[in-house]
C-alpha atoms as a PDB file:
ATOM      1  CA  MET A   1      97.687 122.979  75.304  1.00  0.00           C
ATOM      2  CA  LEU A   2      94.739 122.046  76.703  1.00  0.00           C
ATOM      3  CA  GLY A   3      93.222 125.160  77.755  1.00  0.00           C
ATOM      4  CA  HIS A   4      93.246 125.847  73.875  1.00  0.00           C
ATOM      5  CA  VAL A   5      91.213 123.161  72.345  1.00  0.00           C
ATOM      6  CA  VAL A   6      88.257 124.432  73.276  1.00  0.00           C
ATOM      7  CA  PRO A   7      88.648 128.026  72.142  1.00  0.00           C
ATOM      8  CA  PHE A   8      90.311 126.413  68.906  1.00  0.00           C
ATOM      9  CA  SER A   9      87.261 124.282  68.386  1.00  0.00           C
ATOM     10  CA  LEU A  10      84.861 127.320  68.664  1.00  0.00           C
ATOM     11  CA  VAL A  11      86.946 129.275  65.742  1.00  0.00           C
ATOM     12  CA  LEU A  12      87.447 126.477  63.538  1.00  0.00           C
ATOM     13  CA  SER A  13      84.110 125.243  63.331  1.00  0.00           C
ATOM     14  CA  ARG A  14      83.246 129.249  62.647  1.00  0.00           C
ATOM     15  CA  VAL A  15      85.920 128.776  59.825  1.00  0.00           C
ATOM     16  CA  VAL A  16      84.317 125.567  58.338  1.00  0.00           C
ATOM     17  CA  GLY A  17      81.264 127.299  58.112  1.00  0.00           C
ATOM     18  CA  VAL A  18      82.293 129.663  55.811  1.00  0.00           C
ATOM     19  CA  VAL A  19      84.319 127.343  53.746  1.00  0.00           C
ATOM     20  CA  LEU A  20      81.426 124.750  53.334  1.00  0.00           C
ATOM     21  CA  PHE A  21      79.489 127.793  51.692  1.00  0.00           C
ATOM     22  CA  ALA A  22      81.456 130.171  50.381  1.00  0.00           C
ATOM     23  CA  PRO A  23      81.607 130.947  46.604  1.00  0.00           C
ATOM     24  CA  LEU A  24      84.185 129.017  44.724  1.00  0.00           C
ATOM     25  CA  LEU A  25      85.492 126.885  47.985  1.00  0.00           C
ATOM     26  CA  SER A  26      82.644 124.896  48.060  1.00  0.00           C
ATOM     27  CA  MET A  27      83.156 124.166  44.922  1.00  0.00           C
ATOM     28  CA  SER A  28      83.126 120.350  44.584  1.00  0.00           C
ATOM     29  CA  ALA A  29      85.338 120.467  41.908  1.00  0.00           C
ATOM     30  CA  LEU A  30      87.812 121.825  45.130  1.00  0.00           C
ATOM     31  CA  PRO A  31      89.160 118.411  46.939  1.00  0.00           C
ATOM     32  CA  ILE A  32      87.388 117.969  50.245  1.00  0.00           C
ATOM     33  CA  ARG A  33      91.270 117.329  52.196  1.00  0.00           C
ATOM     34  CA  ALA A  34      92.428 121.064  50.699  1.00  0.00           C
ATOM     35  CA  ARG A  35      89.322 122.796  51.629  1.00  0.00           C
ATOM     36  CA  ALA A  36      89.923 120.379  55.170  1.00  0.00           C
ATOM     37  CA  LEU A  37      93.989 121.816  55.162  1.00  0.00           C
ATOM     38  CA  LEU A  38      92.382 125.431  54.021  1.00  0.00           C
ATOM     39  CA  ALA A  39      89.693 125.462  56.892  1.00  0.00           C
ATOM     40  CA  PHE A  40      92.981 124.406  59.573  1.00  0.00           C
ATOM     41  CA  VAL A  41      95.363 127.121  58.357  1.00  0.00           C
ATOM     42  CA  LEU A  42      93.079 129.682  58.835  1.00  0.00           C
ATOM     43  CA  ALA A  43      91.685 128.524  61.821  1.00  0.00           C
ATOM     44  CA  LEU A  44      95.672 128.696  63.049  1.00  0.00           C
ATOM     45  CA  SER A  45      96.327 131.694  61.287  1.00  0.00           C
ATOM     46  CA  ILE A  46      92.843 133.944  63.285  1.00  0.00           C
ATOM     47  CA  TYR A  47      93.352 132.048  66.646  1.00  0.00           C
ATOM     48  CA  PRO A  48      96.052 134.476  67.739  1.00  0.00           C
ATOM     49  CA  VAL A  49      94.112 137.484  67.366  1.00  0.00           C
ATOM     50  CA  VAL A  50      90.668 136.193  68.442  1.00  0.00           C
ATOM     51  CA  PRO A  51      90.080 138.400  72.338  1.00  0.00           C
ATOM     52  CA  ALA A  52      91.552 136.107  74.687  1.00  0.00           C
ATOM     53  CA  GLY A  53      89.010 134.702  76.848  1.00  0.00           C
ATOM     54  CA  ALA A  54      86.118 136.248  74.957  1.00  0.00           C
ATOM     55  CA  GLY A  55      83.100 134.194  75.275  1.00  0.00           C
ATOM     56  CA  PHE A  56      84.880 131.017  76.100  1.00  0.00           C
ATOM     57  CA  ASN A  57      83.938 128.349  78.846  1.00  0.00           C
ATOM     58  CA  PRO A  58      87.107 125.889  79.243  1.00  0.00           C
ATOM     59  CA  THR A  59      85.133 123.511  81.749  1.00  0.00           C
ATOM     60  CA  LEU A  60      82.723 122.658  78.757  1.00  0.00           C
ATOM     61  CA  ASP A  61      82.705 118.996  78.568  1.00  0.00           C
ATOM     62  CA  LEU A  62      81.857 117.371  74.967  1.00  0.00           C
ATOM     63  CA  TRP A  63      77.925 117.164  75.299  1.00  0.00           C
ATOM     64  CA  GLY A  64      78.086 121.002  75.593  1.00  0.00           C
ATOM     65  CA  LEU A  65      80.568 122.010  73.178  1.00  0.00           C
ATOM     66  CA  LEU A  66      78.332 120.547  70.234  1.00  0.00           C
ATOM     67  CA  PRO A  67      75.608 122.690  70.962  1.00  0.00           C
ATOM     68  CA  VAL A  68      78.457 125.730  71.221  1.00  0.00           C
ATOM     69  CA  MET A  69      80.160 124.016  67.888  1.00  0.00           C
ATOM     70  CA  PHE A  70      77.024 124.012  66.348  1.00  0.00           C
ATOM     71  CA  ALA A  71      75.976 127.743  66.498  1.00  0.00           C
ATOM     72  CA  GLU A  72      79.629 128.858  65.331  1.00  0.00           C
ATOM     73  CA  ILE A  73      78.839 126.925  62.050  1.00  0.00           C
ATOM     74  CA  LEU A  74      75.832 128.845  61.635  1.00  0.00           C
ATOM     75  CA  ILE A  75      77.474 131.586  61.886  1.00  0.00           C
ATOM     76  CA  GLY A  76      79.847 131.170  59.398  1.00  0.00           C
ATOM     77  CA  VAL A  77      77.485 129.424  57.229  1.00  0.00           C
ATOM     78  CA  ALA A  78      75.344 132.731  57.198  1.00  0.00           C
ATOM     79  CA  LEU A  79      78.469 134.591  56.029  1.00  0.00           C
ATOM     80  CA  GLY A  80      79.116 132.111  53.163  1.00  0.00           C
ATOM     81  CA  MET A  81      75.806 132.018  51.960  1.00  0.00           C
ATOM     82  CA  LEU A  82      75.176 136.209  51.858  1.00  0.00           C
ATOM     83  CA  ALA A  83      78.664 136.005  49.711  1.00  0.00           C
ATOM     84  CA  SER A  84      77.116 133.589  47.777  1.00  0.00           C
ATOM     85  CA  VAL A  85      74.204 135.634  46.648  1.00  0.00           C
ATOM     86  CA  PRO A  86      75.639 137.720  43.927  1.00  0.00           C
ATOM     87  CA  MET A  87      77.053 134.523  42.377  1.00  0.00           C
ATOM     88  CA  LEU A  88      73.963 132.448  42.737  1.00  0.00           C
ATOM     89  CA  ALA A  89      72.137 135.529  40.793  1.00  0.00           C
ATOM     90  CA  MET A  90      74.691 135.623  37.952  1.00  0.00           C
ATOM     91  CA  GLU A  91      74.143 132.061  37.688  1.00  0.00           C
ATOM     92  CA  MET A  92      70.090 132.776  37.424  1.00  0.00           C
ATOM     93  CA  ALA A  93      70.555 135.304  34.589  1.00  0.00           C
ATOM     94  CA  GLY A  94      72.395 132.921  32.425  1.00  0.00           C
ATOM     95  CA  GLN A  95      69.655 130.451  33.125  1.00  0.00           C
ATOM     96  CA  MET A  96      67.008 132.789  32.483  1.00  0.00           C
ATOM     97  CA  ALA A  97      68.782 133.832  28.784  1.00  0.00           C
ATOM     98  CA  GLY A  98      69.817 130.013  27.943  1.00  0.00           C
ATOM     99  CA  HIS A  99      66.258 128.640  28.234  1.00  0.00           C
ATOM    100  CA  GLN A 100      65.010 131.469  26.356  1.00  0.00           C
ATOM    101  CA  MET A 101      67.228 130.862  23.407  1.00  0.00           C
ATOM    102  CA  GLY A 102      66.550 126.924  23.569  1.00  0.00           C
ATOM    103  CA  LEU A 103      70.138 126.151  25.129  1.00  0.00           C
ATOM    104  CA  GLY A 104      67.557 124.592  28.062  1.00  0.00           C
ATOM    105  CA  LEU A 105      67.759 121.372  26.102  1.00  0.00           C
ATOM    106  CA  ALA A 106      71.109 121.086  25.734  1.00  0.00           C
ATOM    107  CA  ARG A 107      71.364 120.865  29.827  1.00  0.00           C
ATOM    108  CA  SER A 108      74.599 118.344  31.107  1.00  0.00           C
ATOM    109  CA  PHE A 109      75.732 117.537  34.397  1.00  0.00           C
ATOM    110  CA  ASN A 110      78.405 119.472  35.657  1.00  0.00           C
ATOM    111  CA  PRO A 111      80.326 117.552  38.169  1.00  0.00           C
ATOM    112  CA  ALA A 112      81.674 120.702  39.662  1.00  0.00           C
ATOM    113  CA  PHE A 113      78.411 122.351  40.481  1.00  0.00           C
ATOM    114  CA  GLU A 114      76.922 118.952  41.341  1.00  0.00           C
ATOM    115  CA  SER A 115      73.930 120.049  39.449  1.00  0.00           C
ATOM    116  CA  GLU A 116      72.633 120.923  35.731  1.00  0.00           C
ATOM    117  CA  MET A 117      73.606 123.992  33.999  1.00  0.00           C
ATOM    118  CA  ASP A 118      73.140 125.256  29.961  1.00  0.00           C
ATOM    119  CA  VAL A 119      75.950 127.260  28.602  1.00  0.00           C
ATOM    120  CA  ALA A 120      74.531 130.150  29.417  1.00  0.00           C
ATOM    121  CA  GLY A 121      74.653 129.715  32.964  1.00  0.00           C
ATOM    122  CA  GLN A 122      77.954 128.242  32.922  1.00  0.00           C
ATOM    123  CA  MET A 123      79.928 130.966  31.307  1.00  0.00           C
ATOM    124  CA  LEU A 124      78.465 133.862  33.473  1.00  0.00           C
ATOM    125  CA  PHE A 125      79.307 131.934  36.306  1.00  0.00           C
ATOM    126  CA  MET A 126      82.651 132.256  34.964  1.00  0.00           C
ATOM    127  CA  VAL A 127      82.149 135.117  34.553  1.00  0.00           C
ATOM    128  CA  ALA A 128      81.125 136.448  37.948  1.00  0.00           C
ATOM    129  CA  ALA A 129      83.833 134.436  39.862  1.00  0.00           C
ATOM    130  CA  GLY A 130      86.549 135.983  37.571  1.00  0.00           C
ATOM    131  CA  ILE A 131      85.112 138.894  38.505  1.00  0.00           C
ATOM    132  CA  PHE A 132      85.005 137.717  42.428  1.00  0.00           C
ATOM    133  CA  LEU A 133      88.585 137.016  42.379  1.00  0.00           C
ATOM    134  CA  SER A 134      89.912 139.923  40.301  1.00  0.00           C
ATOM    135  CA  VAL A 135      88.310 142.374  42.966  1.00  0.00           C
ATOM    136  CA  GLY A 136      89.353 140.422  45.932  1.00  0.00           C
ATOM    137  CA  GLY A 137      85.831 138.737  47.474  1.00  0.00           C
ATOM    138  CA  LEU A 138      87.756 136.571  48.803  1.00  0.00           C
ATOM    139  CA  GLU A 139      89.877 138.500  50.803  1.00  0.00           C
ATOM    140  CA  VAL A 140      87.079 140.706  52.158  1.00  0.00           C
ATOM    141  CA  LEU A 141      84.963 137.145  52.763  1.00  0.00           C
ATOM    142  CA  PHE A 142      87.699 136.472  55.589  1.00  0.00           C
ATOM    143  CA  LEU A 143      88.174 140.248  56.757  1.00  0.00           C
ATOM    144  CA  ALA A 144      84.507 139.790  57.167  1.00  0.00           C
ATOM    145  CA  LEU A 145      85.293 136.269  59.091  1.00  0.00           C
ATOM    146  CA  VAL A 146      87.758 137.810  61.287  1.00  0.00           C
ATOM    147  CA  ARG A 147      85.593 141.038  62.436  1.00  0.00           C
ATOM    148  CA  THR A 148      82.584 138.638  63.285  1.00  0.00           C
ATOM    149  CA  PHE A 149      85.384 137.230  66.086  1.00  0.00           C
ATOM    150  CA  ASP A 150      85.323 140.923  67.740  1.00  0.00           C
ATOM    151  CA  THR A 151      81.896 141.551  67.465  1.00  0.00           C
ATOM    152  CA  MET A 152      80.721 138.156  68.047  1.00  0.00           C
ATOM    153  CA  PRO A 153      82.956 136.779  70.452  1.00  0.00           C
ATOM    154  CA  PRO A 154      83.081 132.810  69.992  1.00  0.00           C
ATOM    155  CA  GLY A 155      80.169 130.872  71.867  1.00  0.00           C
ATOM    156  CA  THR A 156      77.457 133.596  71.731  1.00  0.00           C
ATOM    157  CA  ILE A 157      74.455 133.449  69.694  1.00  0.00           C
ATOM    158  CA  ILE A 158      73.578 135.868  66.365  1.00  0.00           C
ATOM    159  CA  SER A 159      70.369 137.171  65.917  1.00  0.00           C
ATOM    160  CA  ALA A 160      68.608 135.664  63.084  1.00  0.00           C
ATOM    161  CA  GLY A 161      66.523 138.417  62.415  1.00  0.00           C
ATOM    162  CA  ALA A 162      68.540 140.728  61.548  1.00  0.00           C
ATOM    163  CA  THR A 163      70.493 137.334  59.351  1.00  0.00           C
ATOM    164  CA  LEU A 164      67.704 137.331  57.574  1.00  0.00           C
ATOM    165  CA  GLU A 165      66.687 140.415  57.156  1.00  0.00           C
ATOM    166  CA  LEU A 166      70.026 141.284  55.165  1.00  0.00           C
ATOM    167  CA  TYR A 167      69.809 138.154  53.615  1.00  0.00           C
ATOM    168  CA  LEU A 168      66.127 138.852  51.915  1.00  0.00           C
ATOM    169  CA  ALA A 169      67.632 142.310  51.145  1.00  0.00           C
ATOM    170  CA  LEU A 170      70.701 140.453  49.507  1.00  0.00           C
ATOM    171  CA  ALA A 171      68.646 138.009  47.549  1.00  0.00           C
ATOM    172  CA  SER A 172      66.356 141.025  46.380  1.00  0.00           C
ATOM    173  CA  SER A 173      69.116 142.829  44.878  1.00  0.00           C
ATOM    174  CA  GLY A 174      70.481 139.538  43.634  1.00  0.00           C
ATOM    175  CA  LEU A 175      67.098 138.992  41.490  1.00  0.00           C
ATOM    176  CA  ASP A 176      67.130 142.602  40.571  1.00  0.00           C
ATOM    177  CA  LEU A 177      70.732 142.164  39.161  1.00  0.00           C
ATOM    178  CA  ALA A 178      69.983 138.696  37.295  1.00  0.00           C
ATOM    179  CA  LEU A 179      66.905 140.184  35.745  1.00  0.00           C
ATOM    180  CA  ARG A 180      68.674 143.395  34.607  1.00  0.00           C
ATOM    181  CA  VAL A 181      71.861 140.969  33.135  1.00  0.00           C
ATOM    182  CA  ALA A 182      69.672 138.645  30.936  1.00  0.00           C
ATOM    183  CA  ALA A 183      67.529 141.827  30.333  1.00  0.00           C
ATOM    184  CA  PRO A 184      69.244 142.465  26.272  1.00  0.00           C
ATOM    185  CA  VAL A 185      69.031 138.764  25.845  1.00  0.00           C
ATOM    186  CA  LEU A 186      65.210 138.580  26.958  1.00  0.00           C
ATOM    187  CA  GLY A 187      64.256 142.223  24.664  1.00  0.00           C
ATOM    188  CA  THR A 188      66.456 140.733  21.596  1.00  0.00           C
ATOM    189  CA  LEU A 189      64.418 137.476  21.554  1.00  0.00           C
ATOM    190  CA  VAL A 190      60.997 138.867  21.478  1.00  0.00           C
ATOM    191  CA  LEU A 191      62.022 140.924  18.655  1.00  0.00           C
ATOM    192  CA  ILE A 192      63.157 137.655  16.739  1.00  0.00           C
ATOM    193  CA  LEU A 193      59.819 135.734  18.068  1.00  0.00           C
ATOM    194  CA  ILE A 194      57.604 138.803  16.708  1.00  0.00           C
ATOM    195  CA  ALA A 195      59.597 138.917  13.464  1.00  0.00           C
ATOM    196  CA  MET A 196      59.566 134.725  12.988  1.00  0.00           C
ATOM    197  CA  GLY A 197      55.468 135.764  13.553  1.00  0.00           C
ATOM    198  CA  PHE A 198      55.200 137.886  10.951  1.00  0.00           C
ATOM    199  CA  LEU A 199      57.581 135.479   8.667  1.00  0.00           C
ATOM    200  CA  MET A 200      55.452 132.716   8.985  1.00  0.00           C
ATOM    201  CA  LYS A 201      52.216 134.498   8.259  1.00  0.00           C
ATOM    202  CA  THR A 202      53.546 135.888   4.735  1.00  0.00           C
ATOM    203  CA  MET A 203      55.700 132.964   3.888  1.00  0.00           C
ATOM    204  CA  PRO A 204      54.338 130.074   4.935  1.00  0.00           C
ATOM    205  CA  GLN A 205      56.722 127.832   3.057  1.00  0.00           C
ATOM    206  CA  ILE A 206      59.536 128.773   5.055  1.00  0.00           C
ATOM    207  CA  ASN A 207      60.083 126.198   7.601  1.00  0.00           C
ATOM    208  CA  ILE A 208      60.733 128.825  10.562  1.00  0.00           C
ATOM    209  CA  LEU A 209      60.306 126.426  13.322  1.00  0.00           C
ATOM    210  CA  SER A 210      64.104 124.997  12.380  1.00  0.00           C
ATOM    211  CA  PHE A 211      64.992 128.441  10.835  1.00  0.00           C
ATOM    212  CA  GLY A 212      64.179 130.509  14.323  1.00  0.00           C
ATOM    213  CA  PHE A 213      65.331 127.897  16.564  1.00  0.00           C
ATOM    214  CA  ALA A 214      68.993 128.526  14.901  1.00  0.00           C
ATOM    215  CA  VAL A 215      68.552 132.292  14.502  1.00  0.00           C
ATOM    216  CA  LYS A 216      67.166 132.139  18.427  1.00  0.00           C
ATOM    217  CA  ILE A 217      70.690 130.842  19.937  1.00  0.00           C
ATOM    218  CA  ILE A 218      73.217 132.532  17.652  1.00  0.00           C
ATOM    219  CA  CYS A 219      71.455 136.122  18.325  1.00  0.00           C
ATOM    220  CA  GLY A 220      71.219 135.619  21.900  1.00  0.00           C
ATOM    221  CA  ILE A 221      74.803 134.590  22.406  1.00  0.00           C
ATOM    222  CA  ALA A 222      75.759 137.324  20.128  1.00  0.00           C
ATOM    223  CA  VAL A 223      73.797 139.876  22.284  1.00  0.00           C
ATOM    224  CA  LEU A 224      75.315 138.358  25.472  1.00  0.00           C
ATOM    225  CA  THR A 225      78.969 138.762  24.420  1.00  0.00           C
ATOM    226  CA  TRP A 226      78.497 142.146  23.335  1.00  0.00           C
ATOM    227  CA  SER A 227      76.855 142.553  26.445  1.00  0.00           C
ATOM    228  CA  ILE A 228      79.661 141.402  28.542  1.00  0.00           C
ATOM    229  CA  PHE A 229      81.265 144.823  29.525  1.00  0.00           C
ATOM    230  CA  VAL A 230      78.475 146.100  30.686  1.00  0.00           C
ATOM    231  CA  ILE A 231      77.463 142.587  32.627  1.00  0.00           C
ATOM    232  CA  GLU A 232      80.465 143.320  34.103  1.00  0.00           C
ATOM    233  CA  GLU A 233      80.404 146.565  35.446  1.00  0.00           C
ATOM    234  CA  ALA A 234      76.843 145.877  36.365  1.00  0.00           C
ATOM    235  CA  PHE A 235      78.054 142.743  38.431  1.00  0.00           C
ATOM    236  CA  GLY A 236      81.036 144.665  39.784  1.00  0.00           C
ATOM    237  CA  GLU A 237      78.964 147.310  41.416  1.00  0.00           C
ATOM    238  CA  ALA A 238      76.428 144.934  42.962  1.00  0.00           C
ATOM    239  CA  LEU A 239      78.883 143.127  44.327  1.00  0.00           C
ATOM    240  CA  GLY A 240      81.101 145.565  45.856  1.00  0.00           C
ATOM    241  CA  ASP A 241      77.766 146.841  47.243  1.00  0.00           C
ATOM    242  CA  ALA A 242      76.897 143.118  48.846  1.00  0.00           C
ATOM    243  CA  LEU A 243      80.355 142.757  50.230  1.00  0.00           C
ATOM    244  CA  GLU A 244      80.186 146.170  52.080  1.00  0.00           C
ATOM    245  CA  SER A 245      76.998 145.043  53.858  1.00  0.00           C
ATOM    246  CA  ILE A 246      78.663 141.618  54.619  1.00  0.00           C
ATOM    247  CA  VAL A 247      81.863 143.518  56.516  1.00  0.00           C
ATOM    248  CA  GLN A 248      79.308 145.772  58.062  1.00  0.00           C
ATOM    249  CA  TRP A 249      77.014 143.401  58.944  1.00  0.00           C
ATOM    250  CA  ALA A 250      80.052 141.115  60.971  1.00  0.00           C
ATOM    251  CA  ALA A 251      81.529 144.426  61.966  1.00  0.00           C
ATOM    252  CA  SER A 252      78.185 145.966  63.618  1.00  0.00           C
ATOM    253  CA  GLY A 253      77.693 141.825  65.640  1.00  0.00           C
ATOM    254  CA  ALA A 254      74.373 140.731  63.240  1.00  0.00           C
ATOM    255  CA  GLY A 255      72.388 141.836  66.527  1.00  0.00           C
ATOM    256  CA  THR A 256      70.947 145.441  65.455  1.00  0.00           C
ATOM    257  CA  ARG A 257      69.731 146.754  62.185  1.00  0.00           C
ATOM    258  CA  GLN A 258      72.150 149.249  60.841  1.00  0.00           C
ATOM    259  CA  PRO A 259      70.806 152.307  58.765  1.00  0.00           C
ATOM    260  CA  GLY A 260      71.514 152.426  55.425  1.00  0.00           C
ATOM    261  CA  VAL A 261      71.653 148.600  54.748  1.00  0.00           C
ATOM    262  CA  ILE A 262      68.436 148.095  53.040  1.00  0.00           C
ATOM    263  CA  ALA A 263      66.007 150.177  51.427  1.00  0.00           C
ATOM    264  CA  GLY A 264      63.378 149.547  48.862  1.00  0.00           C
ATOM    265  CA  GLY A 265      64.368 146.351  48.445  1.00  0.00           C
ATOM    266  CA  ARG A 266      68.407 147.260  47.345  1.00  0.00           C
ATOM    267  CA  VAL A 267      71.410 146.559  49.369  1.00  0.00           C
ATOM    268  CA  HIS A 268      73.174 150.000  49.116  1.00  0.00           C
ATOM    269  CA  GLY A 269      76.974 150.361  49.803  1.00  0.00           C
ATOM    270  CA  TRP A 270      78.870 152.316  53.243  1.00  0.00           C
END
């Protein structure tokens, strides 16, 4: 049993890094004990399929084991952060749309996210979470986690350059997704503002400020609801590309740049 303590600790450290930053698993609404139990069970499931003796040094003492465990946590953190980018992009799209609609004045603290969010941001994040679960995002993330043990044995260090390059590409793709999702609402609100300007000049007796505030909210929510199926398609496509790139990153060992990962700031499928 003592011979398995060091390798299992390294496997558990990488799994903990993923659980701490993975989409949905990192939410504070999930109890800490549940997340700890999930990480331990995942580590028990993954440990038997890890190549025997790959990168292990059973003679490590406590002080020598801590830096290696920290490196393993960083690998899991990188994997979880890469998978979280599309979800954060949807939340950003909702915040942009909600701010222009005037919902930013009604921001409230959401204990599930430990941050202040408006209604539009919460709605799009929940839509993204449902799509992420329906397409098997967690299963793909766990598959990528298992593949990292084949290409990046415990005790190895990943290439920071390749990981940062993929993260920047995913962030650029996420910004593009956020702008595309928020564009219908933003375009509609621009037309409403132009119409309000004409009304203010032609009929000054109308209190256009109080009237236009309600109109912007109603029209913005209506456009956001009407375009929800298009948003689902756009997010599903972007999420699929991101998950494919993450799996390829895990399978390639995160040490070399693979052709086709990044092209023009967009993340493409494999």
